[in-house]
C-alpha atoms as a PDB file:
ATOM      1  CA  MET A   1     -89.640  13.312 -22.411  1.00  0.00           C
ATOM      2  CA  ALA A   2     -90.275  11.934 -18.927  1.00  0.00           C
ATOM      3  CA  THR A   3     -87.923   9.423 -17.399  1.00  0.00           C
ATOM      4  CA  VAL A   4     -89.633   6.661 -15.433  1.00  0.00           C
ATOM      5  CA  LYS A   5     -87.485   4.692 -13.024  1.00  0.00           C
ATOM      6  CA  PRO A   6     -88.195   1.864 -10.598  1.00  0.00           C
ATOM      7  CA  PHE A   7     -87.964   2.697  -6.909  1.00  0.00           C
ATOM      8  CA  ARG A   8     -87.958   1.069  -3.477  1.00  0.00           C
ATOM      9  CA  GLY A   9     -91.415   1.796  -2.121  1.00  0.00           C
ATOM     10  CA  ILE A  10     -92.332   2.268   1.532  1.00  0.00           C
ATOM     11  CA  ARG A  11     -95.522   0.530   2.597  1.00  0.00           C
ATOM     12  CA  PRO A  12     -97.066  -1.389   5.483  1.00  0.00           C
ATOM     13  CA  PRO A  13     -96.478  -5.123   5.900  1.00  0.00           C
ATOM     14  CA  LYS A  14     -99.443  -7.148   4.616  1.00  0.00           C
ATOM     15  CA  ASP A  15    -100.620  -8.036   8.120  1.00  0.00           C
ATOM     16  CA  LEU A  16    -100.875  -4.343   9.103  1.00  0.00           C
ATOM     17  CA  VAL A  17    -102.487  -2.870   5.984  1.00  0.00           C
ATOM     18  CA  GLN A  18    -105.938  -2.628   7.583  1.00  0.00           C
ATOM     19  CA  ASN A  19    -104.517  -0.685  10.556  1.00  0.00           C
ATOM     20  CA  VAL A  20    -102.339   1.689   8.512  1.00  0.00           C
ATOM     21  CA  ALA A  21    -104.563   2.329   5.472  1.00  0.00           C
ATOM     22  CA  SER A  22    -106.318   5.666   5.102  1.00  0.00           C
ATOM     23  CA  ARG A  23    -108.239   7.698   2.592  1.00  0.00           C
ATOM     24  CA  PRO A  24    -106.287  10.333   0.620  1.00  0.00           C
ATOM     25  CA  TYR A  25    -105.482  13.392   2.734  1.00  0.00           C
ATOM     26  CA  ASP A  26    -107.373  15.777   0.484  1.00  0.00           C
ATOM     27  CA  VAL A  27    -110.789  14.097   0.711  1.00  0.00           C
ATOM     28  CA  LEU A  28    -111.418  14.641   4.414  1.00  0.00           C
ATOM     29  CA  SER A  29    -111.037  17.396   6.953  1.00  0.00           C
ATOM     30  CA  SER A  30    -108.704  17.364   9.927  1.00  0.00           C
ATOM     31  CA  ASP A  31    -111.684  16.719  12.194  1.00  0.00           C
ATOM     32  CA  GLU A  32    -112.767  13.719  10.112  1.00  0.00           C
ATOM     33  CA  ALA A  33    -109.218  12.339  10.132  1.00  0.00           C
ATOM     34  CA  ARG A  34    -109.062  12.823  13.911  1.00  0.00           C
ATOM     35  CA  VAL A  35    -112.231  10.723  14.304  1.00  0.00           C
ATOM     36  CA  GLU A  36    -111.049   7.988  11.902  1.00  0.00           C
ATOM     37  CA  ALA A  37    -107.627   7.731  13.584  1.00  0.00           C
ATOM     38  CA  ASN A  38    -108.979   7.795  17.133  1.00  0.00           C
ATOM     39  CA  GLY A  39    -107.509   4.914  19.110  1.00  0.00           C
ATOM     40  CA  ASN A  40    -105.301   3.746  16.229  1.00  0.00           C
ATOM     41  CA  PRO A  41    -101.661   4.828  16.592  1.00  0.00           C
ATOM     42  CA  MET A  42    -100.881   3.024  13.292  1.00  0.00           C
ATOM     43  CA  SER A  43    -103.253   5.148  11.202  1.00  0.00           C
ATOM     44  CA  LEU A  44    -101.441   6.830   8.315  1.00  0.00           C
ATOM     45  CA  TYR A  45    -103.386   9.994   9.198  1.00  0.00           C
ATOM     46  CA  HIS A  46    -100.728  10.624  11.864  1.00  0.00           C
ATOM     47  CA  ILE A  47     -98.305  11.212   8.968  1.00  0.00           C
ATOM     48  CA  ILE A  48    -100.478  12.704   6.223  1.00  0.00           C
ATOM     49  CA  LYS A  49    -102.670  14.819   8.554  1.00  0.00           C
ATOM     50  CA  PRO A  50    -100.365  15.295  11.567  1.00  0.00           C
ATOM     51  CA  GLU A  51    -102.426  18.217  12.875  1.00  0.00           C
ATOM     52  CA  ILE A  52    -104.699  15.536  14.390  1.00  0.00           C
ATOM     53  CA  ASP A  53    -102.026  15.069  17.066  1.00  0.00           C
ATOM     54  CA  PHE A  54    -102.481  18.696  18.177  1.00  0.00           C
ATOM     55  CA  PRO A  55    -105.391  20.509  19.810  1.00  0.00           C
ATOM     56  CA  GLN A  56    -108.309  21.153  17.483  1.00  0.00           C
ATOM     57  CA  GLY A  57    -107.835  24.406  15.594  1.00  0.00           C
ATOM     58  CA  THR A  58    -104.044  24.122  15.258  1.00  0.00           C
ATOM     59  CA  PRO A  59    -103.153  25.487  11.794  1.00  0.00           C
ATOM     60  CA  GLU A  60    -102.141  22.810   9.298  1.00  0.00           C
ATOM     61  CA  ASP A  61     -99.161  24.919   8.221  1.00  0.00           C
ATOM     62  CA  ASP A  62     -97.752  25.416  11.724  1.00  0.00           C
ATOM     63  CA  PRO A  63     -94.039  24.410  11.681  1.00  0.00           C
ATOM     64  CA  ALA A  64     -94.657  22.137  14.677  1.00  0.00           C
ATOM     65  CA  VAL A  65     -97.145  20.160  12.566  1.00  0.00           C
ATOM     66  CA  TYR A  66     -94.481  19.503   9.917  1.00  0.00           C
ATOM     67  CA  ARG A  67     -92.006  18.404  12.603  1.00  0.00           C
ATOM     68  CA  LYS A  68     -94.667  16.059  14.000  1.00  0.00           C
ATOM     69  CA  ALA A  69     -95.194  14.505  10.551  1.00  0.00           C
ATOM     70  CA  LEU A  70     -91.478  13.704  10.371  1.00  0.00           C
ATOM     71  CA  GLU A  71     -91.494  12.387  13.942  1.00  0.00           C
ATOM     72  CA  ASN A  72     -94.482  10.143  13.166  1.00  0.00           C
ATOM     73  CA  PHE A  73     -92.943   8.920   9.892  1.00  0.00           C
ATOM     74  CA  THR A  74     -89.747   8.000  11.754  1.00  0.00           C
ATOM     75  CA  LEU A  75     -91.790   6.214  14.438  1.00  0.00           C
ATOM     76  CA  PHE A  76     -93.715   4.215  11.812  1.00  0.00           C
ATOM     77  CA  LYS A  77     -90.443   3.027  10.261  1.00  0.00           C
ATOM     78  CA  GLN A  78     -88.884   2.213  13.653  1.00  0.00           C
ATOM     79  CA  ASN A  79     -91.947   0.198  14.672  1.00  0.00           C
ATOM     80  CA  ARG A  80     -91.971  -1.486  11.257  1.00  0.00           C
ATOM     81  CA  TRP A  81     -95.496  -0.259  10.560  1.00  0.00           C
ATOM     82  CA  LEU A  82     -93.963   0.952   7.286  1.00  0.00           C
ATOM     83  CA  ILE A  83     -91.138  -0.936   5.621  1.00  0.00           C
ATOM     84  CA  GLN A  84     -89.069  -0.272   2.526  1.00  0.00           C
ATOM     85  CA  ASP A  85     -89.082  -2.728  -0.358  1.00  0.00           C
ATOM     86  CA  SER A  86     -85.878  -4.732  -0.659  1.00  0.00           C
ATOM     87  CA  SER A  87     -85.512  -4.003  -4.374  1.00  0.00           C
ATOM     88  CA  GLU A  88     -86.450  -1.349  -6.892  1.00  0.00           C
ATOM     89  CA  ARG A  89     -89.656  -2.054  -8.791  1.00  0.00           C
ATOM     90  CA  PHE A  90     -92.210  -0.599 -11.123  1.00  0.00           C
ATOM     91  CA  ARG A  91     -95.644  -0.792  -9.550  1.00  0.00           C
ATOM     92  CA  SER A  92     -99.105  -0.194 -10.829  1.00  0.00           C
ATOM     93  CA  CYS A  93    -101.728   0.669  -8.275  1.00  0.00           C
ATOM     94  CA  SER A  94    -105.339  -0.264  -8.061  1.00  0.00           C
ATOM     95  CA  LYS A  95    -107.498  -0.054  -5.044  1.00  0.00           C
ATOM     96  CA  ARG A  96    -110.826  -1.532  -4.101  1.00  0.00           C
ATOM     97  CA  THR A  97    -112.591   0.763  -1.679  1.00  0.00           C
ATOM     98  CA  ARG A  98    -115.930   1.250  -0.058  1.00  0.00           C
ATOM     99  CA  LEU A  99    -117.033   4.772  -0.881  1.00  0.00           C
ATOM    100  CA  PRO A 100    -119.927   6.618   0.747  1.00  0.00           C
ATOM    101  CA  LEU A 101    -122.082   8.134  -1.982  1.00  0.00           C
ATOM    102  CA  TRP A 102    -123.231  10.989   0.247  1.00  0.00           C
ATOM    103  CA  LYS A 103    -123.785  11.677   3.910  1.00  0.00           C
ATOM    104  CA  ASN A 104    -125.909   9.084   5.722  1.00  0.00           C
ATOM    105  CA  GLN A 105    -126.094   6.751   2.728  1.00  0.00           C
ATOM    106  CA  LYS A 106    -124.810   3.202   2.719  1.00  0.00           C
ATOM    107  CA  THR A 107    -121.492   2.600   1.046  1.00  0.00           C
ATOM    108  CA  ARG A 108    -121.047   0.912  -2.289  1.00  0.00           C
ATOM    109  CA  THR A 109    -118.111  -1.056  -3.576  1.00  0.00           C
ATOM    110  CA  HIS A 110    -115.973   0.714  -6.162  1.00  0.00           C
ATOM    111  CA  THR A 111    -113.495  -1.140  -8.333  1.00  0.00           C
ATOM    112  CA  PRO A 112    -111.586   1.002 -10.837  1.00  0.00           C
ATOM    113  CA  ARG A 113    -111.926  -0.084 -14.450  1.00  0.00           C
ATOM    114  CA  LYS A 114    -108.891  -1.702 -15.951  1.00  0.00           C
ATOM    115  CA  ARG A 115    -107.120   0.604 -18.338  1.00  0.00           C
ATOM    116  CA  ARG A 116    -106.839  -0.515 -21.886  1.00  0.00           C
ATOM    117  CA  ARG A 117    -103.353  -1.125 -23.113  1.00  0.00           C
ATOM    118  CA  GLN A 118    -102.558   1.944 -25.165  1.00  0.00           C
ATOM    119  CA  ASN A 119     -99.257   0.799 -26.511  1.00  0.00           C
ATOM    120  CA  ALA A 120     -98.855  -2.818 -27.578  1.00  0.00           C
ATOM    121  CA  THR A 121     -95.085  -2.645 -27.002  1.00  0.00           C
ATOM    122  CA  HIS A 122     -95.485  -1.658 -23.319  1.00  0.00           C
ATOM    123  CA  THR A 123     -94.234  -4.356 -20.945  1.00  0.00           C
ATOM    124  CA  ARG A 124     -94.934  -4.825 -17.270  1.00  0.00           C
ATOM    125  CA  HIS A 125     -92.182  -5.302 -14.728  1.00  0.00           C
END
């Protein structure tokens, strides 16, 4: 049986969310991430796709890329672009995003459906 525990999350302060937020790392290429992060040192892509801080064509698995991810993560915490929660919590996530349907098409708003409560004894924290 799985053990679920609360934890102290690390996230951007509310006033910086728009600058730090990114799409998941596995839905865009390094080149796309490089374009989206251009001119924004607070973009989370500098941590989740750190190869964007190297010349184009640098292998994603180069050891220097992993060191850069750690360096960027440390920088984000030092600059308080990412902060740790003061207490342990359970969190549920939902996200409202604007998703492109396909190349050159306008975006549409996507709001995930609320999940139905599967267990009536489940409580939220």
